[in-house]
Each structure stands twice: as structure tokens, then as C-alpha cells.
Amino acid sequence: MRGSAIARKAEGRSEYRDGEIVPMPGRSLNHSRIGGNVFAFLKFIMRDTRFEPINSDLRLWIPDYRRGLYPDVMVFEGEPQLNGDRRDEVLNPILIVEVLSPSTASYDRESKFRMYRSIKSFREYLLIEQDELFVERYSKQTQGWLLGEFKDLERSIFLESVGIELPIAEIYRGVVFG
């Protein structure tokens, strides 16, 4: 059975990894707020542009790794490319946002990032801490991936792939640390 067909039969939210259905962990209030904040801001600011943000309901299929993943937010330039006849699986984000959970942070930084880099259209990656004010931004450059770190609520992050400023205060709006 093809990977995405197996994942379609899974109960609840899960990712498909090399023939296995792996349940995704539950999310915290901070995780949900941060993901929602980023999506809402991008959706509003990108209206009437060639860019479209999509929330975590849509699966990203990574052919080189035969993996189906659910990033917290993806942004597409133009129409998202569907995986064959699948209406729930896409192939071509330019920007991916992950809100880090203690149980998945190293996976998001290492293995997931390696898989995401196999996507030709992929140009920018945001990793957002949910338990402290800290954001990592990786941008694809000619010589490799450039890392920028942000931890000041008064700053903004320039998203090169879409040409907009994302205020850190918007990312963490309503988030309570502690």
C-alpha cells in the first residue's frame, strides 16, 4: 500500500514515516496560539498577493524520503502543487514554520530540516520556541543555509522568501511563559 494511502487510513493526526504511521503528539496552548498567530498574520498581510499561507491541516509529501509531514504553517508562491490526485497533500512550499515542542525540537531542527531541504521550492525555515521568546530563521543562500536568531519582542524578522516583516510581538501575542 502506498505511503499516503496508509496515512489516509490512520486514526487521528499522524505522520507517515517509511511504512509506519507515527501518531503526532498533542499540542499545548502556547503551541496553538503561536501557530495560529503566525498563520493569521501571514494570511492577512498576504491577501491579494501571489503568496498563500496554509495551516497545519494540509500534509506535505516529501518524495525523496517517502514522508508525509504536517508543518505548523506553510507558504506557497502561486498555486500549491498537489501530490497526484491527492487533494490533501502538497509538494512545493517556499516557507515552512514549525513551533517547537520539547519532545520534537531536535527532530524539527535536524531530521525534518534535512528532509525539507530536499524540496526544490523550499527557501526559508522558521523554528519558534513555545516556552521562551526565541526564533531561529534559516534562509537559503547561494553558499548554503544562513541562520539568524531572534529574541527581542521589539524586533521583526524579515522573511526573504515572501518579502515581508514578521513582528516577533505578533508571533507571541497572547502567549504566557511560565
Foldseek 3Di string as FASTA:
>chain_A
DQQVVVCVPDDADFKGFPNDTGHDDDDDPLQVQLLVLVQVVCCVVCPPHQKDKDAQQAWEAQVVRSMTDGFGMFMDRHDFDADPPDPRYGYATQETEHEDDPVCNVVVVPVVVVSQVSRPNHAKYWYAYRQAQKIWIWGQDPVGIDIDIDRDQQAWDQDVVVGDTHRSVSSRPPRDHD
